[in-house]
PDB file of N, CA and C in Angstrom:
ATOM      1  N   MET A   1     -33.458 -31.269  50.165  1.00  0.00           N
ATOM      2  CA  MET A   1     -33.406 -31.800  51.510  1.00  0.00           C
ATOM      3  C   MET A   1     -32.440 -32.977  51.559  1.00  0.00           C
ATOM      4  N   ALA A   2     -31.574 -32.991  52.549  1.00  0.00           N
ATOM      5  CA  ALA A   2     -30.574 -34.049  52.688  1.00  0.00           C
ATOM      6  C   ALA A   2     -31.234 -35.372  53.066  1.00  0.00           C
ATOM      7  N   LEU A   3     -30.845 -36.430  52.369  1.00  0.00           N
ATOM      8  CA  LEU A   3     -31.385 -37.754  52.649  1.00  0.00           C
ATOM      9  C   LEU A   3     -30.610 -38.489  53.732  1.00  0.00           C
ATOM     10  N   PHE A   4     -29.344 -38.107  53.926  1.00  0.00           N
ATOM     11  CA  PHE A   4     -28.505 -38.822  54.879  1.00  0.00           C
ATOM     12  C   PHE A   4     -27.328 -37.938  55.293  1.00  0.00           C
ATOM     13  N   HIS A   5     -26.683 -38.334  56.372  1.00  0.00           N
ATOM     14  CA  HIS A   5     -25.495 -37.641  56.874  1.00  0.00           C
ATOM     15  C   HIS A   5     -24.284 -38.118  56.080  1.00  0.00           C
ATOM     16  N   LEU A   6     -23.493 -37.210  55.578  1.00  0.00           N
ATOM     17  CA  LEU A   6     -22.328 -37.579  54.775  1.00  0.00           C
ATOM     18  C   LEU A   6     -21.238 -38.257  55.594  1.00  0.00           C
ATOM     19  N   GLY A   7     -21.099 -37.894  56.843  1.00  0.00           N
ATOM     20  CA  GLY A   7     -19.969 -38.392  57.619  1.00  0.00           C
ATOM     21  C   GLY A   7     -18.722 -37.609  57.246  1.00  0.00           C
ATOM     22  N   ARG A   8     -17.581 -38.155  57.603  1.00  0.00           N
ATOM     23  CA  ARG A   8     -16.303 -37.505  57.305  1.00  0.00           C
ATOM     24  C   ARG A   8     -16.042 -37.550  55.804  1.00  0.00           C
ATOM     25  N   CYS A   9     -15.605 -36.452  55.251  1.00  0.00           N
ATOM     26  CA  CYS A   9     -15.330 -36.372  53.813  1.00  0.00           C
ATOM     27  C   CYS A   9     -13.828 -36.331  53.570  1.00  0.00           C
ATOM     28  N   ASP A  10     -13.341 -37.331  52.895  1.00  0.00           N
ATOM     29  CA  ASP A  10     -11.937 -37.419  52.488  1.00  0.00           C
ATOM     30  C   ASP A  10     -11.894 -37.587  50.982  1.00  0.00           C
ATOM     31  N   ALA A  11     -10.781 -37.198  50.380  1.00  0.00           N
ATOM     32  CA  ALA A  11     -10.599 -37.371  48.941  1.00  0.00           C
ATOM     33  C   ALA A  11      -9.193 -37.874  48.679  1.00  0.00           C
ATOM     34  N   THR A  12      -9.095 -38.797  47.749  1.00  0.00           N
ATOM     35  CA  THR A  12      -7.782 -39.291  47.355  1.00  0.00           C
ATOM     36  C   THR A  12      -7.076 -38.215  46.529  1.00  0.00           C
ATOM     37  N   PRO A  13      -5.753 -38.290  46.430  1.00  0.00           N
ATOM     38  CA  PRO A  13      -5.050 -37.345  45.556  1.00  0.00           C
ATOM     39  C   PRO A  13      -5.567 -37.396  44.117  1.00  0.00           C
ATOM     40  N   ALA A  14      -5.915 -38.589  43.640  1.00  0.00           N
ATOM     41  CA  ALA A  14      -6.432 -38.722  42.274  1.00  0.00           C
ATOM     42  C   ALA A  14      -7.778 -38.015  42.134  1.00  0.00           C
ATOM     43  N   ALA A  15      -8.632 -38.121  43.153  1.00  0.00           N
ATOM     44  CA  ALA A  15      -9.933 -37.446  43.111  1.00  0.00           C
ATOM     45  C   ALA A  15      -9.753 -35.933  43.135  1.00  0.00           C
ATOM     46  N   LEU A  16      -8.838 -35.458  43.964  1.00  0.00           N
ATOM     47  CA  LEU A  16      -8.580 -34.014  44.015  1.00  0.00           C
ATOM     48  C   LEU A  16      -8.068 -33.500  42.674  1.00  0.00           C
ATOM     49  N   SER A  17      -7.188 -34.253  42.060  1.00  0.00           N
ATOM     50  CA  SER A  17      -6.661 -33.886  40.746  1.00  0.00           C
ATOM     51  C   SER A  17      -7.785 -33.874  39.703  1.00  0.00           C
ATOM     52  N   PHE A  18      -8.628 -34.894  39.747  1.00  0.00           N
ATOM     53  CA  PHE A  18      -9.774 -34.992  38.842  1.00  0.00           C
ATOM     54  C   PHE A  18     -10.655 -33.757  38.970  1.00  0.00           C
ATOM     55  N   MET A  19     -10.989 -33.389  40.220  1.00  0.00           N
ATOM     56  CA  MET A  19     -11.884 -32.255  40.455  1.00  0.00           C
ATOM     57  C   MET A  19     -11.259 -30.941  39.999  1.00  0.00           C
ATOM     58  N   GLU A  20      -9.967 -30.795  40.208  1.00  0.00           N
ATOM     59  CA  GLU A  20      -9.281 -29.583  39.751  1.00  0.00           C
ATOM     60  C   GLU A  20      -9.253 -29.531  38.226  1.00  0.00           C
ATOM     61  N   ARG A  21      -8.890 -30.650  37.617  1.00  0.00           N
ATOM     62  CA  ARG A  21      -8.791 -30.735  36.157  1.00  0.00           C
ATOM     63  C   ARG A  21     -10.130 -30.456  35.477  1.00  0.00           C
ATOM     64  N   ASN A  22     -11.216 -30.918  36.093  1.00  0.00           N
ATOM     65  CA  ASN A  22     -12.551 -30.787  35.503  1.00  0.00           C
ATOM     66  C   ASN A  22     -13.369 -29.643  36.103  1.00  0.00           C
ATOM     67  N   LYS A  23     -12.714 -28.834  36.935  1.00  0.00           N
ATOM     68  CA  LYS A  23     -13.362 -27.673  37.558  1.00  0.00           C
ATOM     69  C   LYS A  23     -14.671 -28.049  38.244  1.00  0.00           C
ATOM     70  N   VAL A  24     -14.610 -29.129  39.033  1.00  0.00           N
ATOM     71  CA  VAL A  24     -15.777 -29.622  39.769  1.00  0.00           C
ATOM     72  C   VAL A  24     -15.954 -28.802  41.043  1.00  0.00           C
ATOM     73  N   ASP A  25     -17.153 -28.276  41.251  1.00  0.00           N
ATOM     74  CA  ASP A  25     -17.504 -27.576  42.486  1.00  0.00           C
ATOM     75  C   ASP A  25     -17.848 -28.645  43.521  1.00  0.00           C
ATOM     76  N   VAL A  26     -16.950 -28.878  44.461  1.00  0.00           N
ATOM     77  CA  VAL A  26     -17.094 -29.970  45.432  1.00  0.00           C
ATOM     78  C   VAL A  26     -18.361 -29.819  46.255  1.00  0.00           C
ATOM     79  N   LEU A  27     -18.642 -28.620  46.733  1.00  0.00           N
ATOM     80  CA  LEU A  27     -19.842 -28.425  47.552  1.00  0.00           C
ATOM     81  C   LEU A  27     -21.115 -28.715  46.760  1.00  0.00           C
ATOM     82  N   HIS A  28     -21.143 -28.278  45.509  1.00  0.00           N
ATOM     83  CA  HIS A  28     -22.302 -28.566  44.656  1.00  0.00           C
ATOM     84  C   HIS A  28     -22.442 -30.074  44.438  1.00  0.00           C
ATOM     85  N   LEU A  29     -21.342 -30.741  44.158  1.00  0.00           N
ATOM     86  CA  LEU A  29     -21.374 -32.181  43.924  1.00  0.00           C
ATOM     87  C   LEU A  29     -21.837 -32.937  45.168  1.00  0.00           C
ATOM     88  N   LEU A  30     -21.325 -32.584  46.337  1.00  0.00           N
ATOM     89  CA  LEU A  30     -21.737 -33.260  47.571  1.00  0.00           C
ATOM     90  C   LEU A  30     -23.202 -32.983  47.901  1.00  0.00           C
ATOM     91  N   THR A  31     -23.681 -31.800  47.558  1.00  0.00           N
ATOM     92  CA  THR A  31     -25.097 -31.493  47.771  1.00  0.00           C
ATOM     93  C   THR A  31     -25.968 -32.351  46.865  1.00  0.00           C
ATOM     94  N   ARG A  32     -25.583 -32.483  45.609  1.00  0.00           N
ATOM     95  CA  ARG A  32     -26.316 -33.374  44.685  1.00  0.00           C
ATOM     96  C   ARG A  32     -26.368 -34.784  45.251  1.00  0.00           C
ATOM     97  N   TYR A  33     -25.224 -35.271  45.667  1.00  0.00           N
ATOM     98  CA  TYR A  33     -25.094 -36.629  46.205  1.00  0.00           C
ATOM     99  C   TYR A  33     -25.989 -36.820  47.428  1.00  0.00           C
ATOM    100  N   ARG A  34     -25.885 -35.915  48.380  1.00  0.00           N
ATOM    101  CA  ARG A  34     -26.635 -36.004  49.634  1.00  0.00           C
ATOM    102  C   ARG A  34     -28.140 -35.907  49.408  1.00  0.00           C
ATOM    103  N   ASN A  35     -28.528 -35.268  48.301  1.00  0.00           N
ATOM    104  CA  ASN A  35     -29.949 -35.112  47.986  1.00  0.00           C
ATOM    105  C   ASN A  35     -30.497 -36.220  47.093  1.00  0.00           C
ATOM    106  N   GLY A  36     -29.679 -37.229  46.793  1.00  0.00           N
ATOM    107  CA  GLY A  36     -30.167 -38.379  46.037  1.00  0.00           C
ATOM    108  C   GLY A  36     -29.888 -38.365  44.551  1.00  0.00           C
ATOM    109  N   ASP A  37     -29.083 -37.428  44.073  1.00  0.00           N
ATOM    110  CA  ASP A  37     -28.647 -37.443  42.672  1.00  0.00           C
ATOM    111  C   ASP A  37     -27.332 -38.206  42.647  1.00  0.00           C
ATOM    112  N   TRP A  38     -27.400 -39.486  42.284  1.00  0.00           N
ATOM    113  CA  TRP A  38     -26.239 -40.361  42.348  1.00  0.00           C
ATOM    114  C   TRP A  38     -25.539 -40.521  41.011  1.00  0.00           C
ATOM    115  N   GLY A  39     -25.785 -39.604  40.097  1.00  0.00           N
ATOM    116  CA  GLY A  39     -25.075 -39.629  38.830  1.00  0.00           C
ATOM    117  C   GLY A  39     -25.491 -40.786  37.949  1.00  0.00           C
ATOM    118  N   LYS A  40     -24.500 -41.398  37.319  1.00  0.00           N
ATOM    119  CA  LYS A  40     -24.756 -42.484  36.366  1.00  0.00           C
ATOM    120  C   LYS A  40     -24.581 -43.837  37.045  1.00  0.00           C
ATOM    121  N   LEU A  41     -25.692 -44.360  37.555  1.00  0.00           N
ATOM    122  CA  LEU A  41     -25.714 -45.690  38.154  1.00  0.00           C
ATOM    123  C   LEU A  41     -26.766 -46.521  37.445  1.00  0.00           C
ATOM    124  N   ASP A  42     -26.580 -47.835  37.467  1.00  0.00           N
ATOM    125  CA  ASP A  42     -27.616 -48.691  36.898  1.00  0.00           C
ATOM    126  C   ASP A  42     -28.768 -48.830  37.904  1.00  0.00           C
ATOM    127  N   ALA A  43     -29.866 -49.382  37.440  1.00  0.00           N
ATOM    128  CA  ALA A  43     -31.080 -49.482  38.261  1.00  0.00           C
ATOM    129  C   ALA A  43     -30.833 -50.258  39.556  1.00  0.00           C
ATOM    130  N   GLU A  44     -30.010 -51.274  39.496  1.00  0.00           N
ATOM    131  CA  GLU A  44     -29.714 -52.083  40.683  1.00  0.00           C
ATOM    132  C   GLU A  44     -28.982 -51.258  41.750  1.00  0.00           C
ATOM    133  N   ASP A  45     -28.011 -50.465  41.332  1.00  0.00           N
ATOM    134  CA  ASP A  45     -27.280 -49.617  42.284  1.00  0.00           C
ATOM    135  C   ASP A  45     -28.171 -48.512  42.854  1.00  0.00           C
ATOM    136  N   ILE A  46     -29.053 -47.965  42.029  1.00  0.00           N
ATOM    137  CA  ILE A  46     -29.986 -46.949  42.523  1.00  0.00           C
ATOM    138  C   ILE A  46     -30.901 -47.549  43.580  1.00  0.00           C
ATOM    139  N   GLU A  47     -31.429 -48.722  43.300  1.00  0.00           N
ATOM    140  CA  GLU A  47     -32.289 -49.396  44.284  1.00  0.00           C
ATOM    141  C   GLU A  47     -31.516 -49.695  45.566  1.00  0.00           C
ATOM    142  N   ALA A  48     -30.271 -50.116  45.441  1.00  0.00           N
ATOM    143  CA  ALA A  48     -29.438 -50.367  46.618  1.00  0.00           C
ATOM    144  C   ALA A  48     -29.242 -49.091  47.429  1.00  0.00           C
ATOM    145  N   ASN A  49     -29.050 -47.950  46.756  1.00  0.00           N
ATOM    146  CA  ASN A  49     -28.902 -46.678  47.455  1.00  0.00           C
ATOM    147  C   ASN A  49     -30.178 -46.283  48.194  1.00  0.00           C
ATOM    148  N   VAL A  50     -31.327 -46.474  47.558  1.00  0.00           N
ATOM    149  CA  VAL A  50     -32.602 -46.158  48.210  1.00  0.00           C
ATOM    150  C   VAL A  50     -32.742 -46.979  49.491  1.00  0.00           C
ATOM    151  N   ASN A  51     -32.422 -48.253  49.403  1.00  0.00           N
ATOM    152  CA  ASN A  51     -32.472 -49.120  50.583  1.00  0.00           C
ATOM    153  C   ASN A  51     -31.419 -48.720  51.608  1.00  0.00           C
ATOM    154  N   ALA A  52     -30.258 -48.316  51.140  1.00  0.00           N
ATOM    155  CA  ALA A  52     -29.174 -47.916  52.036  1.00  0.00           C
ATOM    156  C   ALA A  52     -29.548 -46.681  52.849  1.00  0.00           C
ATOM    157  N   VAL A  53     -30.218 -45.740  52.205  1.00  0.00           N
ATOM    158  CA  VAL A  53     -30.665 -44.549  52.920  1.00  0.00           C
ATOM    159  C   VAL A  53     -31.658 -44.944  54.014  1.00  0.00           C
ATOM    160  N   ALA A  54     -32.561 -45.848  53.685  1.00  0.00           N
ATOM    161  CA  ALA A  54     -33.594 -46.265  54.636  1.00  0.00           C
ATOM    162  C   ALA A  54     -33.042 -47.138  55.759  1.00  0.00           C
ATOM    163  N   TYR A  55     -32.078 -47.991  55.447  1.00  0.00           N
ATOM    164  CA  TYR A  55     -31.642 -49.002  56.418  1.00  0.00           C
ATOM    165  C   TYR A  55     -30.195 -48.881  56.868  1.00  0.00           C
ATOM    166  N   GLY A  56     -29.471 -47.886  56.367  1.00  0.00           N
ATOM    167  CA  GLY A  56     -28.130 -47.636  56.867  1.00  0.00           C
ATOM    168  C   GLY A  56     -27.005 -48.441  56.247  1.00  0.00           C
ATOM    169  N   SER A  57     -27.107 -48.760  54.967  1.00  0.00           N
ATOM    170  CA  SER A  57     -26.028 -49.471  54.273  1.00  0.00           C
ATOM    171  C   SER A  57     -25.152 -48.467  53.522  1.00  0.00           C
ATOM    172  N   ARG A  58     -24.145 -48.989  52.829  1.00  0.00           N
ATOM    173  CA  ARG A  58     -23.225 -48.154  52.050  1.00  0.00           C
ATOM    174  C   ARG A  58     -23.956 -47.494  50.881  1.00  0.00           C
ATOM    175  N   ILE A  59     -23.618 -46.237  50.608  1.00  0.00           N
ATOM    176  CA  ILE A  59     -24.199 -45.469  49.507  1.00  0.00           C
ATOM    177  C   ILE A  59     -23.066 -45.101  48.558  1.00  0.00           C
ATOM    178  N   LEU A  60     -23.353 -45.142  47.252  1.00  0.00           N
ATOM    179  CA  LEU A  60     -22.325 -44.755  46.288  1.00  0.00           C
ATOM    180  C   LEU A  60     -22.920 -43.973  45.143  1.00  0.00           C
ATOM    181  N   ALA A  61     -22.058 -43.252  44.465  1.00  0.00           N
ATOM    182  CA  ALA A  61     -22.461 -42.483  43.290  1.00  0.00           C
ATOM    183  C   ALA A  61     -21.310 -42.466  42.296  1.00  0.00           C
ATOM    184  N   SER A  62     -21.650 -42.257  41.050  1.00  0.00           N
ATOM    185  CA  SER A  62     -20.653 -42.161  39.992  1.00  0.00           C
ATOM    186  C   SER A  62     -21.024 -40.996  39.084  1.00  0.00           C
ATOM    187  N   TYR A  63     -20.116 -40.045  38.975  1.00  0.00           N
ATOM    188  CA  TYR A  63     -20.338 -38.863  38.146  1.00  0.00           C
ATOM    189  C   TYR A  63     -19.308 -38.845  37.024  1.00  0.00           C
ATOM    190  N   GLU A  64     -19.744 -38.458  35.837  1.00  0.00           N
ATOM    191  CA  GLU A  64     -18.844 -38.399  34.690  1.00  0.00           C
ATOM    192  C   GLU A  64     -18.602 -36.951  34.272  1.00  0.00           C
ATOM    193  N   TYR A  65     -17.330 -36.654  34.030  1.00  0.00           N
ATOM    194  CA  TYR A  65     -16.909 -35.354  33.531  1.00  0.00           C
ATOM    195  C   TYR A  65     -15.880 -35.599  32.446  1.00  0.00           C
ATOM    196  N   ASN A  66     -16.143 -35.097  31.266  1.00  0.00           N
ATOM    197  CA  ASN A  66     -15.193 -35.208  30.156  1.00  0.00           C
ATOM    198  C   ASN A  66     -14.702 -36.634  29.948  1.00  0.00           C
ATOM    199  N   GLY A  67     -15.618 -37.593  30.038  1.00  0.00           N
ATOM    200  CA  GLY A  67     -15.284 -38.989  29.797  1.00  0.00           C
ATOM    201  C   GLY A  67     -14.586 -39.701  30.941  1.00  0.00           C
ATOM    202  N   GLU A  68     -14.423 -39.038  32.072  1.00  0.00           N
ATOM    203  CA  GLU A  68     -13.802 -39.651  33.248  1.00  0.00           C
ATOM    204  C   GLU A  68     -14.847 -39.809  34.343  1.00  0.00           C
ATOM    205  N   LYS A  69     -14.641 -40.787  35.231  1.00  0.00           N
ATOM    206  CA  LYS A  69     -15.573 -41.032  36.315  1.00  0.00           C
ATOM    207  C   LYS A  69     -14.980 -40.632  37.654  1.00  0.00           C
ATOM    208  N   LEU A  70     -15.859 -40.120  38.496  1.00  0.00           N
ATOM    209  CA  LEU A  70     -15.524 -39.800  39.884  1.00  0.00           C
ATOM    210  C   LEU A  70     -16.537 -40.528  40.756  1.00  0.00           C
ATOM    211  N   TRP A  71     -16.047 -41.314  41.704  1.00  0.00           N
ATOM    212  CA  TRP A  71     -16.914 -42.072  42.602  1.00  0.00           C
ATOM    213  C   TRP A  71     -16.957 -41.409  43.970  1.00  0.00           C
ATOM    214  N   ILE A  72     -18.132 -41.406  44.583  1.00  0.00           N
ATOM    215  CA  ILE A  72     -18.303 -40.995  45.967  1.00  0.00           C
ATOM    216  C   ILE A  72     -18.916 -42.166  46.704  1.00  0.00           C
ATOM    217  N   ILE A  73     -18.348 -42.483  47.865  1.00  0.00           N
ATOM    218  CA  ILE A  73     -18.839 -43.607  48.661  1.00  0.00           C
ATOM    219  C   ILE A  73     -19.011 -43.146  50.102  1.00  0.00           C
ATOM    220  N   THR A  74     -20.166 -43.472  50.667  1.00  0.00           N
ATOM    221  CA  THR A  74     -20.422 -43.240  52.078  1.00  0.00           C
ATOM    222  C   THR A  74     -20.574 -44.604  52.729  1.00  0.00           C
ATOM    223  N   GLU A  75     -19.736 -44.880  53.699  1.00  0.00           N
ATOM    224  CA  GLU A  75     -19.765 -46.180  54.365  1.00  0.00           C
ATOM    225  C   GLU A  75     -21.047 -46.342  55.184  1.00  0.00           C
ATOM    226  N   ALA A  76     -21.384 -47.575  55.474  1.00  0.00           N
ATOM    227  CA  ALA A  76     -22.622 -47.892  56.193  1.00  0.00           C
ATOM    228  C   ALA A  76     -22.705 -47.186  57.539  1.00  0.00           C
ATOM    229  N   ASN A  77     -21.580 -47.052  58.216  1.00  0.00           N
ATOM    230  CA  ASN A  77     -21.584 -46.386  59.526  1.00  0.00           C
ATOM    231  C   ASN A  77     -21.485 -44.871  59.392  1.00  0.00           C
ATOM    232  N   ARG A  78     -21.525 -44.367  58.145  1.00  0.00           N
ATOM    233  CA  ARG A  78     -21.462 -42.935  57.817  1.00  0.00           C
ATOM    234  C   ARG A  78     -20.184 -42.273  58.287  1.00  0.00           C
ATOM    235  N   SER A  79     -19.119 -43.076  58.375  1.00  0.00           N
ATOM    236  CA  SER A  79     -17.823 -42.531  58.805  1.00  0.00           C
ATOM    237  C   SER A  79     -17.089 -41.862  57.648  1.00  0.00           C
TER     238      SER A  79
END
C-alpha cells in the first residue's frame, strides 16, 4: 500500500545512467520507495521519513547497487 503520493518523477542523466548500468527496474524501485522501503538509511533519517509521511515533509531514500548509491527525494510539496 502506498504511503504517499510520489509527485512528478524526474531523473538526472547520472541517475538514468546508474539505473541502466545496474539494470535497475525503475517501477519496482519506486514501488519499494512509495511503500516505505527507503533502502540504506540511518535510524534518524528513517524516523524523519516516518514523520514526513505523516506531516508532509521531504522524504528521501538511498539504495545501493554494486557499491554505488542512488538517491530518491520527494519534496515536501510532493512536486
